[in-house]
């Protein structure tokens, strides 16, 4: 799986995209909101690591998720 942080403009907030190995969009959520229902994406139990990664992730850079 891959993750990318997308910078919003004006009133549009920053978003996080999680994509699978074929780059198909799996999850799309606001970067400033708590993570909900991530178990259905296979990331259950990794909330703290994912939250830290999201804060450190640069905008527009696709990164492979390696937990």
N, C-alpha and C. Protein backbone atom coordinates (compact mmCIF):
# COMPACT_ATOMS: atom_id res chain seq x y z
N UNK A 1 0.83 -1.17 0.00
CA UNK A 1 0.00 0.00 0.00
C UNK A 1 0.88 1.24 0.00
N UNK A 2 0.32 2.33 -0.53
CA UNK A 2 1.03 3.59 -0.63
C UNK A 2 0.20 4.70 0.02
N UNK A 3 0.88 5.76 0.45
CA UNK A 3 0.21 6.89 1.08
C UNK A 3 0.75 8.17 0.46
N UNK A 4 -0.13 9.15 0.31
CA UNK A 4 0.27 10.47 -0.20
C UNK A 4 -0.56 11.53 0.52
N UNK A 5 0.08 12.65 0.83
CA UNK A 5 -0.60 13.78 1.48
C UNK A 5 -0.82 14.84 0.41
N UNK A 6 -2.08 15.25 0.25
CA UNK A 6 -2.47 16.22 -0.78
C UNK A 6 -2.80 17.54 -0.10
N UNK A 7 -2.12 18.61 -0.55
CA UNK A 7 -2.32 19.93 0.06
C UNK A 7 -3.59 20.57 -0.49
N UNK A 8 -4.43 21.04 0.43
CA UNK A 8 -5.65 21.74 0.05
C UNK A 8 -5.36 23.20 -0.25
N UNK A 9 -6.33 23.86 -0.86
CA UNK A 9 -6.18 25.29 -1.17
C UNK A 9 -7.39 26.03 -0.62
N UNK A 10 -7.17 27.22 -0.11
CA UNK A 10 -8.22 28.10 0.43
C UNK A 10 -9.04 27.34 1.47
N UNK A 11 -10.31 27.07 1.19
CA UNK A 11 -11.18 26.40 2.17
C UNK A 11 -11.14 24.88 2.06
N UNK A 12 -10.42 24.35 1.09
CA UNK A 12 -10.31 22.90 0.92
C UNK A 12 -9.19 22.40 1.84
N UNK A 13 -9.48 21.46 2.74
CA UNK A 13 -8.47 20.99 3.69
C UNK A 13 -7.46 20.03 3.04
N UNK A 14 -6.39 19.76 3.79
CA UNK A 14 -5.41 18.77 3.36
C UNK A 14 -6.03 17.38 3.48
N UNK A 15 -5.71 16.50 2.54
CA UNK A 15 -6.25 15.15 2.54
C UNK A 15 -5.15 14.12 2.45
N UNK A 16 -5.47 12.91 2.90
CA UNK A 16 -4.58 11.77 2.81
C UNK A 16 -5.23 10.76 1.88
N UNK A 17 -4.44 10.21 0.96
CA UNK A 17 -4.90 9.13 0.10
C UNK A 17 -4.09 7.89 0.41
N UNK A 18 -4.76 6.76 0.53
CA UNK A 18 -4.08 5.48 0.67
C UNK A 18 -4.46 4.67 -0.57
N UNK A 19 -3.45 4.16 -1.24
CA UNK A 19 -3.64 3.43 -2.49
C UNK A 19 -3.04 2.03 -2.38
N UNK A 20 -3.62 1.08 -3.11
CA UNK A 20 -3.12 -0.29 -3.07
C UNK A 20 -1.94 -0.46 -4.03
N UNK A 21 -1.49 -1.68 -4.20
CA UNK A 21 -0.32 -1.96 -5.05
C UNK A 21 -0.53 -1.58 -6.51
N UNK A 22 -1.79 -1.53 -6.97
CA UNK A 22 -2.11 -1.12 -8.34
C UNK A 22 -2.46 0.36 -8.42
N UNK A 23 -2.21 1.10 -7.34
CA UNK A 23 -2.48 2.53 -7.21
C UNK A 23 -3.96 2.87 -7.29
N UNK A 24 -4.81 1.91 -6.95
CA UNK A 24 -6.24 2.16 -6.86
C UNK A 24 -6.52 2.79 -5.50
N UNK A 25 -7.33 3.84 -5.48
CA UNK A 25 -7.65 4.54 -4.25
C UNK A 25 -8.41 3.62 -3.30
N UNK A 26 -7.88 3.44 -2.09
CA UNK A 26 -8.48 2.57 -1.08
C UNK A 26 -9.13 3.42 0.02
N UNK A 27 -8.47 4.50 0.41
CA UNK A 27 -8.99 5.36 1.47
C UNK A 27 -8.64 6.81 1.15
N UNK A 28 -9.54 7.72 1.57
CA UNK A 28 -9.38 9.14 1.33
C UNK A 28 -9.99 9.85 2.52
N UNK A 29 -9.18 10.57 3.29
CA UNK A 29 -9.70 11.23 4.49
C UNK A 29 -8.91 12.49 4.79
N UNK A 30 -9.52 13.37 5.58
CA UNK A 30 -8.87 14.63 5.94
C UNK A 30 -7.67 14.36 6.84
N UNK A 31 -6.60 15.11 6.64
CA UNK A 31 -5.38 14.92 7.41
C UNK A 31 -5.53 15.40 8.85
N UNK A 32 -6.46 16.31 9.11
CA UNK A 32 -6.60 16.87 10.45
C UNK A 32 -7.66 16.17 11.29
N UNK A 33 -8.28 15.14 10.79
CA UNK A 33 -9.32 14.42 11.54
C UNK A 33 -8.76 13.13 12.11
N UNK A 34 -9.32 12.70 13.22
CA UNK A 34 -8.88 11.42 13.78
C UNK A 34 -9.18 10.27 12.81
N UNK A 35 -8.36 9.26 12.86
CA UNK A 35 -8.53 8.12 11.96
C UNK A 35 -9.67 7.25 12.44
N UNK A 36 -10.61 6.96 11.56
CA UNK A 36 -11.76 6.13 11.91
C UNK A 36 -11.86 5.00 10.90
N UNK A 37 -12.28 3.85 11.36
CA UNK A 37 -12.56 2.70 10.51
C UNK A 37 -11.37 2.27 9.65
N UNK A 38 -10.16 2.41 10.16
CA UNK A 38 -9.02 2.00 9.35
C UNK A 38 -8.80 0.49 9.39
N UNK A 39 -9.56 -0.20 10.25
CA UNK A 39 -9.46 -1.66 10.30
C UNK A 39 -9.87 -2.28 8.97
N UNK A 40 -10.86 -1.66 8.31
CA UNK A 40 -11.35 -2.22 7.04
C UNK A 40 -10.33 -2.06 5.91
N UNK A 41 -9.28 -1.27 6.13
CA UNK A 41 -8.22 -1.12 5.14
C UNK A 41 -7.00 -1.97 5.48
N UNK A 42 -7.12 -2.79 6.52
CA UNK A 42 -6.02 -3.65 6.94
C UNK A 42 -4.98 -2.94 7.78
N UNK A 43 -5.34 -1.80 8.38
CA UNK A 43 -4.38 -1.03 9.16
C UNK A 43 -4.76 -0.95 10.63
N UNK A 44 -5.63 -1.85 11.08
CA UNK A 44 -6.05 -1.87 12.48
C UNK A 44 -4.87 -2.09 13.41
N UNK A 45 -4.83 -1.35 14.51
CA UNK A 45 -3.75 -1.47 15.48
C UNK A 45 -2.53 -0.64 15.16
N UNK A 46 -2.55 0.08 14.06
CA UNK A 46 -1.41 0.89 13.64
C UNK A 46 -1.75 2.38 13.64
N UNK A 47 -2.73 2.77 14.45
CA UNK A 47 -3.20 4.15 14.45
C UNK A 47 -2.11 5.14 14.85
N UNK A 48 -1.35 4.82 15.89
CA UNK A 48 -0.30 5.73 16.36
C UNK A 48 0.79 5.91 15.32
N UNK A 49 1.23 4.80 14.70
CA UNK A 49 2.27 4.89 13.68
C UNK A 49 1.79 5.68 12.47
N UNK A 50 0.54 5.44 12.07
CA UNK A 50 -0.02 6.13 10.91
C UNK A 50 -0.19 7.62 11.19
N UNK A 51 -0.63 7.95 12.40
CA UNK A 51 -0.80 9.36 12.77
C UNK A 51 0.54 10.10 12.74
N UNK A 52 1.58 9.46 13.26
CA UNK A 52 2.91 10.07 13.26
C UNK A 52 3.42 10.23 11.83
N UNK A 53 3.21 9.21 11.00
CA UNK A 53 3.63 9.27 9.61
C UNK A 53 2.93 10.40 8.86
N UNK A 54 1.64 10.56 9.09
CA UNK A 54 0.87 11.61 8.42
C UNK A 54 1.41 13.00 8.77
N UNK A 55 1.77 13.21 10.02
CA UNK A 55 2.30 14.51 10.44
C UNK A 55 3.66 14.80 9.82
N UNK A 56 4.48 13.76 9.62
CA UNK A 56 5.83 13.95 9.09
C UNK A 56 5.88 13.88 7.56
N UNK A 57 4.83 13.39 6.93
CA UNK A 57 4.81 13.16 5.49
C UNK A 57 4.81 14.48 4.72
N UNK A 58 5.72 14.65 3.76
CA UNK A 58 5.70 15.88 2.96
C UNK A 58 4.53 15.83 1.96
N UNK A 59 4.07 16.99 1.57
CA UNK A 59 2.96 17.07 0.61
C UNK A 59 3.41 16.60 -0.76
N UNK A 60 2.55 15.83 -1.42
CA UNK A 60 2.77 15.43 -2.81
C UNK A 60 3.78 14.33 -3.03
N UNK A 61 4.31 13.73 -1.97
CA UNK A 61 5.29 12.67 -2.15
C UNK A 61 4.67 11.32 -1.83
N UNK A 62 4.60 10.46 -2.83
CA UNK A 62 4.05 9.12 -2.67
C UNK A 62 5.05 8.29 -1.89
N UNK A 63 4.58 7.61 -0.86
CA UNK A 63 5.47 6.81 0.00
C UNK A 63 4.84 5.45 0.25
N UNK A 64 5.65 4.42 0.21
CA UNK A 64 5.17 3.07 0.48
C UNK A 64 4.95 2.90 1.98
N UNK A 65 3.81 2.31 2.34
CA UNK A 65 3.52 2.03 3.74
C UNK A 65 4.26 0.76 4.14
N UNK A 66 5.11 0.88 5.14
CA UNK A 66 5.88 -0.29 5.60
C UNK A 66 5.77 -0.38 7.11
N UNK A 67 4.71 -1.01 7.58
CA UNK A 67 4.53 -1.27 9.01
C UNK A 67 4.72 -2.73 9.23
